[in-house]
Structures are given as structure tokens and as C-alpha cells.
Protein backbone atom coordinates (compact mmCIF):
# COMPACT_ATOMS: atom_id res chain seq x y z
CA MET A 1 0.00 0.00 0.00
CA VAL A 2 1.03 3.58 -0.56
CA THR A 3 -0.28 6.46 1.47
CA ASP A 4 0.13 10.20 1.90
CA GLU A 5 -0.98 10.15 5.54
CA VAL A 6 2.40 11.39 6.75
CA GLY A 7 3.10 15.07 6.23
CA GLN A 8 5.29 17.16 3.95
CA GLY A 9 3.49 16.18 0.77
CA GLY A 10 4.30 12.49 0.58
CA THR A 11 6.49 11.83 -2.45
CA THR A 12 8.48 8.67 -2.83
CA ALA A 13 10.91 7.27 -5.30
CA GLY A 14 10.38 3.65 -6.22
CA GLY A 15 12.42 0.81 -4.81
CA PRO A 16 15.92 0.21 -6.18
CA GLY A 17 14.65 -2.52 -8.44
CA SER A 18 11.84 -0.46 -9.92
CA SER A 19 11.76 1.83 -12.91
CA ALA A 20 11.06 4.73 -10.58
CA GLY A 21 14.20 3.99 -8.62
CA GLN A 22 16.30 3.64 -11.76
CA GLN A 23 14.96 6.67 -13.60
CA GLY A 24 14.52 9.00 -10.63
CA ARG A 25 10.76 9.35 -11.15
CA THR A 26 8.73 10.20 -8.02
CA GLY A 27 5.10 9.74 -7.03
CA GLN A 28 2.91 11.17 -4.30
CA ASN A 29 2.99 8.39 -1.73
CA LEU A 30 4.73 6.62 1.15
CA VAL A 31 5.32 2.91 1.38
CA GLN A 32 3.21 1.50 4.20
CA LEU A 33 2.48 -2.09 5.26
CA ILE A 34 0.75 -1.44 8.60
CA THR A 35 -1.78 1.37 8.95
CA PRO A 36 -2.01 3.42 12.16
CA ALA A 37 -5.10 1.36 13.00
CA GLY A 38 -3.03 -1.84 12.86
CA GLU A 39 -4.34 -3.14 9.55
CA ARG A 40 -1.85 -5.17 7.50
CA VAL A 41 -2.07 -3.90 3.93
CA SER A 42 -0.54 -5.32 0.78
CA HIS A 43 2.24 -3.85 -1.32
CA PRO A 44 3.33 -6.12 -4.20
CA GLU A 45 6.84 -4.69 -4.40
CA TYR A 46 7.67 -4.75 -0.69
CA ASP A 47 5.59 -7.66 0.67
CA PRO A 48 8.09 -10.31 -0.52
CA TRP A 49 10.82 -8.72 1.60
CA VAL A 50 8.94 -9.42 4.85
CA GLN A 51 7.08 -12.60 3.94
CA ASP A 52 9.37 -14.55 6.28
CA MET A 53 8.16 -12.61 9.33
CA SER A 54 6.34 -15.17 11.45
CA ASP A 55 3.89 -14.41 14.25
CA GLU A 56 6.68 -15.06 16.72
CA GLN A 57 8.93 -12.56 14.98
CA LEU A 58 6.18 -9.94 14.96
CA CYS A 59 5.87 -10.39 18.72
CA SER A 60 9.63 -10.01 19.00
CA LEU A 61 9.49 -6.72 17.08
CA TYR A 62 6.79 -5.53 19.44
CA GLU A 63 9.03 -6.36 22.39
CA ASP A 64 11.92 -4.46 20.79
CA LEU A 65 9.75 -1.39 20.32
CA VAL A 66 8.50 -1.43 23.91
CA VAL A 67 11.93 -2.07 25.40
CA THR A 68 13.64 0.66 23.40
CA ARG A 69 10.99 3.16 24.42
CA ARG A 70 11.57 2.16 28.03
CA ILE A 71 15.32 2.66 27.56
CA ASP A 72 14.54 6.15 26.30
CA THR A 73 12.14 7.12 29.08
CA GLU A 74 14.43 5.70 31.78
CA ALA A 75 17.44 7.58 30.43
CA THR A 76 15.38 10.78 30.26
CA ALA A 77 14.40 10.26 33.90
CA LEU A 78 18.04 9.67 34.84
CA GLN A 79 18.99 12.96 33.21
CA ARG A 80 16.21 14.85 34.98
CA GLN A 81 17.45 13.38 38.27
CA GLY A 82 21.00 14.59 37.65
CA GLU A 83 22.52 11.20 36.82
CA LEU A 84 23.21 12.08 33.17
CA GLY A 85 24.47 15.35 31.78
CA LEU A 86 22.33 15.13 28.63
CA TRP A 87 20.16 12.69 26.71
CA PRO A 88 18.86 12.75 23.10
CA PRO A 89 15.37 11.18 23.16
CA MET A 90 14.20 8.94 20.33
CA LEU A 91 10.53 8.92 21.43
CA GLY A 92 8.38 8.22 18.38
CA GLN A 93 11.23 6.98 16.20
CA GLU A 94 11.40 3.42 17.52
CA ALA A 95 10.03 1.74 14.37
CA SER A 96 12.60 3.46 12.15
CA GLN A 97 15.43 2.21 14.32
CA ILE A 98 14.16 -1.28 15.09
CA GLY A 99 12.90 -2.06 11.60
CA SER A 100 16.19 -1.06 9.97
CA ALA A 101 18.52 -2.53 12.61
CA ARG A 102 16.80 -5.92 12.58
CA ALA A 103 17.31 -6.09 8.80
CA LEU A 104 21.10 -5.98 9.19
CA ARG A 105 23.55 -8.86 9.29
CA ASP A 106 26.19 -9.16 12.00
CA ASP A 107 28.96 -8.40 9.52
CA ASP A 108 27.36 -5.18 8.29
CA PHE A 109 28.88 -2.07 9.85
CA VAL A 110 26.70 0.67 11.30
CA PHE A 111 27.54 4.37 11.57
CA PRO A 112 24.96 5.96 13.89
CA THR A 113 23.99 9.42 15.07
CA TYR A 114 23.78 10.34 18.73
CA ARG A 115 20.05 9.49 18.78
CA ASP A 116 20.19 5.90 17.54
CA ASN A 117 20.12 4.13 20.89
CA GLY A 118 17.52 1.67 19.62
CA VAL A 119 20.00 0.59 16.96
CA ALA A 120 22.68 0.20 19.64
CA TYR A 121 20.32 -2.03 21.64
CA CYS A 122 19.70 -4.23 18.58
CA ARG A 123 23.43 -4.51 17.92
CA GLY A 124 24.00 -5.84 21.44
CA VAL A 125 25.61 -2.83 23.09
CA LYS A 126 25.52 -3.15 26.88
CA LEU A 127 23.00 -0.85 28.51
CA THR A 128 25.59 0.78 30.75
CA ASP A 129 27.85 1.43 27.77
CA ILE A 130 25.06 3.37 26.05
CA LEU A 131 25.10 5.81 28.97
CA ARG A 132 28.84 6.32 29.51
CA VAL A 133 29.26 9.31 27.22
CA TRP A 134 26.08 11.00 28.46
CA ARG A 135 27.21 10.61 32.06
CA GLY A 136 30.56 12.15 31.14
CA ASN A 137 32.56 9.07 32.13
CA ALA A 138 34.09 8.23 28.76
CA SER A 139 34.80 9.64 25.33
CA ALA A 140 33.21 6.55 23.78
CA GLY A 141 30.96 3.92 25.26
CA TRP A 142 32.09 0.75 23.50
CA ASP A 143 34.61 -0.84 21.16
CA PRO A 144 33.04 -0.47 17.69
CA TYR A 145 34.60 -3.68 16.38
CA THR A 146 32.95 -5.89 18.99
CA VAL A 147 29.46 -5.09 17.70
CA ASN A 148 30.19 -3.57 14.26
CA LEU A 149 28.68 -0.30 15.39
CA GLY A 150 30.52 2.98 15.43
CA THR A 151 30.28 5.25 18.44
CA PRO A 152 27.65 8.02 18.29
CA GLN A 153 28.60 11.07 16.23
CA ILE A 154 27.84 14.52 17.59
CA ILE A 155 29.22 16.31 14.51
CA ILE A 156 26.17 16.36 12.27
CA GLY A 157 26.53 14.21 9.17
CA SER A 158 30.18 13.23 9.61
CA GLN A 159 29.27 9.55 9.95
CA THR A 160 28.09 9.45 6.33
CA LEU A 161 31.66 10.05 5.17
CA HIS A 162 32.88 7.32 7.50
CA ALA A 163 30.27 4.91 6.14
CA THR A 164 31.13 5.67 2.53
CA GLY A 165 34.83 5.17 3.20
CA TYR A 166 34.16 1.90 5.00
CA ALA A 167 31.98 0.75 2.11
CA MET A 168 34.82 1.49 -0.30
CA GLY A 169 36.93 -0.85 1.83
CA ILE A 170 34.25 -3.55 1.63
CA GLN A 171 34.24 -3.14 -2.13
CA ASN A 172 38.02 -3.42 -2.34
CA ASP A 173 37.96 -6.54 -0.15
CA GLY A 174 35.39 -8.19 -2.40
CA ALA A 175 33.07 -8.88 0.54
CA ASP A 176 29.26 -8.91 0.36
CA SER A 177 28.61 -7.03 3.58
CA ALA A 178 27.34 -3.45 3.62
CA ALA A 179 27.66 -0.21 5.55
CA ILE A 180 24.72 1.84 6.75
CA ALA A 181 24.80 5.45 7.88
CA TYR A 182 21.99 6.90 9.97
CA LEU A 183 21.24 10.59 9.66
CA GLY A 184 18.48 13.07 10.33
CA ASP A 185 16.66 15.38 7.96
CA GLY A 186 18.76 18.32 9.16
CA ALA A 187 21.96 16.51 8.26
CA THR A 188 21.03 16.46 4.58
CA SER A 189 21.90 20.16 4.46
CA GLN A 190 25.45 19.47 5.63
CA GLY A 191 28.34 19.45 3.17
CA ASP A 192 29.68 16.19 4.60
CA VAL A 193 26.50 14.34 3.65
CA ASN A 194 26.49 15.66 0.11
CA GLU A 195 30.17 14.83 -0.33
CA ALA A 196 29.53 11.32 1.00
CA MET A 197 26.80 10.82 -1.58
CA VAL A 198 29.06 12.09 -4.37
CA PHE A 199 31.73 9.51 -3.51
CA ALA A 200 29.19 6.73 -2.89
CA ALA A 201 27.56 7.31 -6.29
CA SER A 202 30.84 7.77 -8.14
CA PHE A 203 32.31 4.49 -6.91
CA GLN A 204 29.00 2.62 -6.53
CA VAL A 205 29.90 1.42 -3.05
CA PRO A 206 27.70 -0.80 -0.85
CA VAL A 207 26.31 1.82 1.53
CA VAL A 208 22.79 2.66 2.69
CA PHE A 209 21.95 6.19 3.77
CA PHE A 210 19.11 5.86 6.26
CA CYS A 211 17.51 9.24 6.95
CA GLN A 212 15.07 9.55 9.82
CA ASN A 213 13.01 12.56 8.83
CA ASN A 214 11.57 13.47 12.22
CA HIS A 215 10.38 16.85 10.91
CA TRP A 216 12.53 19.02 13.17
CA ALA A 217 16.23 19.91 12.93
CA ILE A 218 16.44 21.21 16.50
CA SER A 219 13.93 24.07 16.22
CA GLU A 220 13.70 24.39 12.43
CA PRO A 221 10.99 22.50 10.51
CA VAL A 222 12.02 20.35 7.57
CA ARG A 223 9.86 22.39 5.19
CA LEU A 224 12.16 25.37 5.80
CA GLN A 225 15.42 23.67 4.87
CA SER A 226 14.05 21.66 1.97
CA HIS A 227 11.37 22.71 -0.49
CA VAL A 228 11.39 19.25 -2.05
CA GLN A 229 11.05 15.88 -0.40
CA ILE A 230 14.25 14.67 1.30
CA ALA A 231 14.07 11.51 -0.83
CA ASP A 232 14.34 13.68 -3.97
CA ARG A 233 17.75 15.05 -3.01
CA PRO A 234 19.88 11.91 -3.58
CA LEU A 235 18.37 11.46 -7.03
CA GLY A 236 20.51 14.39 -8.15
CA PHE A 237 23.58 12.34 -7.28
CA GLY A 238 22.28 9.32 -9.17
CA ILE A 239 21.35 7.45 -5.98
CA PRO A 240 17.99 5.61 -5.98
CA SER A 241 15.78 6.47 -3.03
CA MET A 242 12.75 5.16 -1.19
CA ARG A 243 10.32 7.05 1.02
CA VAL A 244 8.63 4.93 3.66
CA ASP A 245 6.35 5.39 6.63
CA GLY A 246 8.97 5.56 9.39
CA ASN A 247 6.40 4.65 12.04
CA ASP A 248 5.70 1.33 10.29
CA VAL A 249 8.28 -1.20 11.48
CA LEU A 250 7.52 -3.68 8.67
CA ALA A 251 7.73 -1.10 5.89
CA VAL A 252 11.05 0.10 7.28
CA MET A 253 12.38 -3.44 7.48
CA ALA A 254 11.30 -4.19 3.91
CA ALA A 255 12.88 -1.02 2.51
CA THR A 256 16.13 -1.65 4.39
CA ARG A 257 16.30 -5.23 3.12
CA VAL A 258 15.78 -3.99 -0.43
CA ALA A 259 18.61 -1.48 -0.05
CA LEU A 260 20.95 -4.00 1.56
CA ASP A 261 20.26 -6.55 -1.16
CA ARG A 262 21.09 -3.95 -3.78
CA ALA A 263 24.36 -3.16 -1.99
CA ARG A 264 25.36 -6.83 -1.67
CA ARG A 265 24.72 -7.47 -5.36
CA GLY A 266 27.01 -4.64 -6.41
CA GLY A 267 24.19 -2.22 -7.19
CA GLY A 268 25.70 0.66 -5.26
CA PRO A 269 24.22 3.04 -2.69
CA THR A 270 20.58 3.59 -1.75
CA PHE A 271 18.93 6.39 0.20
CA ILE A 272 15.95 5.68 2.47
CA GLU A 273 13.82 8.47 3.89
CA ALA A 274 11.87 7.12 6.86
CA VAL A 275 9.21 9.71 7.60
CA THR A 276 8.66 9.74 11.35
CA TYR A 277 8.30 12.32 14.11
CA ARG A 278 10.34 13.42 17.10
CA MET A 279 7.69 13.39 19.82
CA GLY A 280 10.08 14.57 22.51
CA PRO A 281 12.68 17.35 22.66
CA HIS A 282 15.78 17.48 20.48
CA THR A 283 17.74 16.78 23.67
CA THR A 284 16.84 17.13 27.31
CA ALA A 285 18.27 20.67 27.09
CA ASP A 286 15.57 21.63 24.58
CA ASP A 287 11.99 22.87 25.10
CA PRO A 288 9.98 21.99 21.97
CA THR A 289 6.89 23.83 23.23
CA ARG A 290 8.67 27.07 22.28
CA TYR A 291 8.57 26.28 18.57
CA ARG A 292 6.15 23.40 17.99
CA ASP A 293 2.37 23.44 17.81
CA ALA A 294 0.79 21.10 20.35
CA ASN A 295 -1.79 20.06 17.75
CA GLU A 296 1.00 18.71 15.55
CA LEU A 297 2.23 16.49 18.37
CA GLU A 298 -1.32 15.29 19.04
CA ASP A 299 -1.79 14.36 15.37
CA TRP A 300 1.41 12.33 15.30
CA ALA A 301 0.57 10.58 18.55
CA GLN A 302 -2.23 8.87 16.61
CA LYS A 303 0.43 7.34 14.34
CA ASP A 304 2.52 5.99 17.22
CA PRO A 305 4.71 3.08 16.03
CA ILE A 306 4.08 0.93 19.12
CA ARG A 307 0.33 1.49 19.08
CA ARG A 308 0.00 0.26 15.49
CA VAL A 309 2.00 -2.96 16.04
CA LYS A 310 -0.01 -3.62 19.18
CA ALA A 311 -3.19 -3.15 17.16
CA LEU A 312 -1.88 -5.54 14.49
CA LEU A 313 -1.16 -8.19 17.11
CA GLU A 314 -4.66 -7.72 18.51
CA ARG A 315 -6.17 -8.21 15.05
CA LYS A 316 -4.17 -11.44 14.65
CA GLY A 317 -5.11 -12.69 18.13
CA LEU A 318 -1.48 -12.65 19.26
CA LEU A 319 -1.65 -10.01 21.99
CA THR A 320 -2.29 -12.35 24.90
CA PRO A 321 -2.03 -11.35 28.57
CA GLU A 322 1.00 -13.63 28.79
CA LEU A 323 2.76 -11.76 25.97
CA GLU A 324 1.99 -8.36 27.47
CA THR A 325 3.27 -9.49 30.87
CA ALA A 326 6.46 -10.93 29.40
CA VAL A 327 7.16 -7.76 27.39
CA GLN A 328 6.53 -5.53 30.38
CA GLN A 329 8.78 -7.64 32.58
CA LYS A 330 11.54 -7.44 29.97
CA ALA A 331 11.19 -3.65 29.76
CA ASP A 332 11.23 -3.34 33.57
CA ALA A 333 14.35 -5.52 33.81
CA VAL A 334 16.15 -3.49 31.15
CA ALA A 335 15.28 -0.23 32.89
CA ARG A 336 16.40 -1.62 36.26
CA ASP A 337 19.72 -2.84 34.88
CA MET A 338 20.25 0.44 33.09
CA ARG A 339 19.62 2.52 36.19
CA THR A 340 21.83 0.33 38.38
CA GLY A 341 24.65 0.43 35.85
CA CYS A 342 24.40 4.20 35.60
CA THR A 343 24.29 5.04 39.30
CA THR A 344 27.10 2.62 40.19
CA MET A 345 29.37 3.60 37.32
CA PRO A 346 32.79 4.54 38.75
CA ASP A 347 34.12 8.00 38.03
CA PRO A 348 37.08 8.12 35.64
CA GLU A 349 40.53 8.75 37.08
CA PRO A 350 42.18 12.10 36.21
CA LEU A 351 44.80 10.52 33.98
CA ASP A 352 42.26 8.41 32.09
CA VAL A 353 41.93 11.29 29.64
CA PHE A 354 45.22 10.14 28.10
CA LYS A 355 44.02 6.59 27.46
CA HIS A 356 42.96 5.43 23.99
CA VAL A 357 44.17 8.60 22.25
CA TYR A 358 46.70 6.66 20.20
CA SER A 359 46.88 2.92 19.58
CA THR A 360 50.66 2.90 20.12
CA PRO A 361 52.97 4.79 22.53
CA HIS A 362 53.41 8.44 21.62
CA SER A 363 56.14 10.65 23.10
CA TRP A 364 54.18 13.87 22.68
CA LEU A 365 51.23 12.45 24.63
CA ASP A 366 53.55 10.89 27.23
CA ARG A 367 55.07 14.31 27.86
CA GLN A 368 51.65 15.87 28.35
CA GLN A 369 50.69 13.10 30.77
CA ASP A 370 53.88 13.64 32.74
CA HIS A 371 53.24 17.39 32.99
CA TYR A 372 49.64 16.87 34.08
CA SER A 373 50.65 14.22 36.63
CA ARG A 374 53.16 16.58 38.20
CA TYR A 375 50.52 19.30 38.24
CA LEU A 376 48.15 17.01 40.16
CA ASP A 377 50.96 16.07 42.56
CA SER A 378 51.46 19.75 43.37
CA PHE A 379 48.15 19.66 45.25
CA GLY A 380 49.44 16.88 47.48
CA ASP A 381 46.73 14.55 46.21
CA PRO A 382 47.89 10.92 46.53
CA ALA A 383 45.17 9.92 44.08
CA GLY A 384 47.10 11.64 41.32
CA ALA A 385 50.18 9.48 41.88
CA ALA A 386 48.04 6.37 42.08
CA SER A 387 46.31 7.32 38.84
CA GLU A 388 49.63 7.82 37.11
CA GLU A 389 50.85 4.42 38.24
CA GLY A 390 47.63 2.84 37.03
CA ALA A 391 47.92 4.57 33.65
CA ARG A 392 51.50 3.32 33.23
CA ARG A 393 50.44 -0.24 33.92
């Protein structure tokens, strides 16, 4: 099914295998497989890409959506209570993140933004590690190569360059894995993103640009920065694009699988615009009521990604009390572990700032560490000497 129920006019380029995708022709619709009322609708081009989704897997997607929302609300609460310095909520964008992340293989490499904590959860990042940067305890929360997920990028759009470069490496290695870069609608106005698409198109590398159009780049609406649909922009670089209902977890999964298949077969890059909505603030330092109409938020609440999957499960007779209890218990356990890990996280030692700067010994850095250590010693603080000894070990 195609629909124009999500705002900004509703154009979409066809899938990478379609004539629309190849020729750059656009229509007036979004790809949608689950309506906001929970009705499963047919789309002949995208249905085959999710035909393997069993009832059990649908229930698993529902659990993912509920758990990731709980991660988000718990982290927001931790920030409000002074346990985190900042938090970037993903409220309302769960389907975009879960649907795309669950389409990936383990050997695909992900380059996220700072908001993609649902993707991190799907890639197996430990809950405490998700919070380290936001608590100010580390420069990065995890080793990217253990989960094939880069650390969150604060510099808007820079991860698209990293993804394109990594995809060039995949191409040179002759592998059939892919890279995926997450970005927001605001990032499409950045030079880095446009340069990444130039290189990706020129060398036809296996990369997917996954844009979560949540309608607001901090306090600026998407209609201000782009007078055409976001999905129309990559067509100018020769990159096929798709425009999907970002609150529909199945449509997102189908589109991502299409793009990944194209990349693995040597078909080059694809751009996906997942049209969703940021229901919370840009970060916990933001007050969206200063620039956003409350009626807009109310309208989008009716298209909530969790509500529609729940309604689908009800229609199929799958939403049993046992399932709801199990999902709620999982969400509670995740939130409990997350809070415990956050509040018991040890503070970094003063000299930890010198760790992980270089992969090999570096005399310039060693000299700085020595100067800083002697500076700490001047205060008569024995902890400084102990930290230095620990850093040397």
C-alpha cells in the first residue's frame, strides 16, 4: 500500500529494483504495510521482503519497540534526576530504528547518530555502555569492532563520510557485507552528507543512507530547509531512493532489506527516507513547546509506532495477557539494569583522559601526561600518583 498520511506532501521514489528507482521518477505516496489502526495492507513490491516474518517474529518486534521506548524514558528520567548530563530522546522513532537494525547482518557495519540508541540495543551494546558518554565518564561507550557499530557522532553528518569510506573498503575486499549510515533530515543540508553521496555514487559502493526525517532539525521545521522531499535530493547524485512510513516497522524493514540486497549485489548506494516524528525534545536541554504546535504532536501521537504494532497483534489474536506481561517484565528488567549500571558507574581517574588517544605509545602524549601528573601532585593529592601508576600499567 502507498499512502500520503504522513506530512510534507508524501512523495516517494520507487524501490531500487523499480523503474522509478532507476529513472529518478517520483510519485505522491509513502510505502506502508501497517496502517495506524493496525491493519496489514498489501504492497506487491515490498511484501516479498517481509514474507518470512512469522507471528513469533512480529511479537519479538513488538518487544523491541516497547523495550527501546523504556530505555529512552528511563534515560530521560536519569537525566532529569542529575545522573546524566544530557540525553537525546528517540521517542516516536522506535520503528525506524528497530525495523532497519533488525534487517542488518552481524557483519554489516553501522555508523549511527547520537540518537540511535535503539540501533545500539539491537546490535547488542551493553546498557551501561550506552550511557557512559552521556554521564561524562568516557569519550566513547564501547569498542566499535565488537558489535560492528561505530560510536555516536555529535558532529552532524560526519558519519556518512565514515560509512562511505568503509563501504569502499568492503568493495576493495570483495566482501558482500554493507555499511549503513543513519542521519536526520537536518543533516542532509550538511556538506559532509552531500560529499559522502558524491563519492558513494561515483564508486557505486555498498552503503545505505538511512535518513530519519523526524520533521525538526532542533527548532527548524524540515519544510524550511528543503522545499522538495528529502528523498528527492539523492536522485541528483544518481542514488535511488525510497520514502517509507517511518512509524511502520515492517515497511522500514522491507525497505532496508531492499537497499541491503542492492548493496550486496554490487548495485551501489541507496537512500531511504523514513518519515517519522520526534515526539520529545531534540535533547533534554531543549523545550519543543517554544517552537512546535501542540496540535502537531497530538496528530502524530495517533500514528505511534508501538500502538500500530499492538493493534496488528490484537487483530491477529497474538496479543495475549501472557505476551503483554512478558514484554513488560523485559522492559522493567532493562530499565532496572540500566539505572543500576548508571548510578554505580565509577568516576574516571584524572589521567584516564590520556588513554585510547593513540593505539601505540606516543612521546608527545607521554610528555603531556607527565606534565599533568606533576601538576596534580602539586596539590598533594595521593590519588594523582596512584592514577599515574595505574595509567602506566
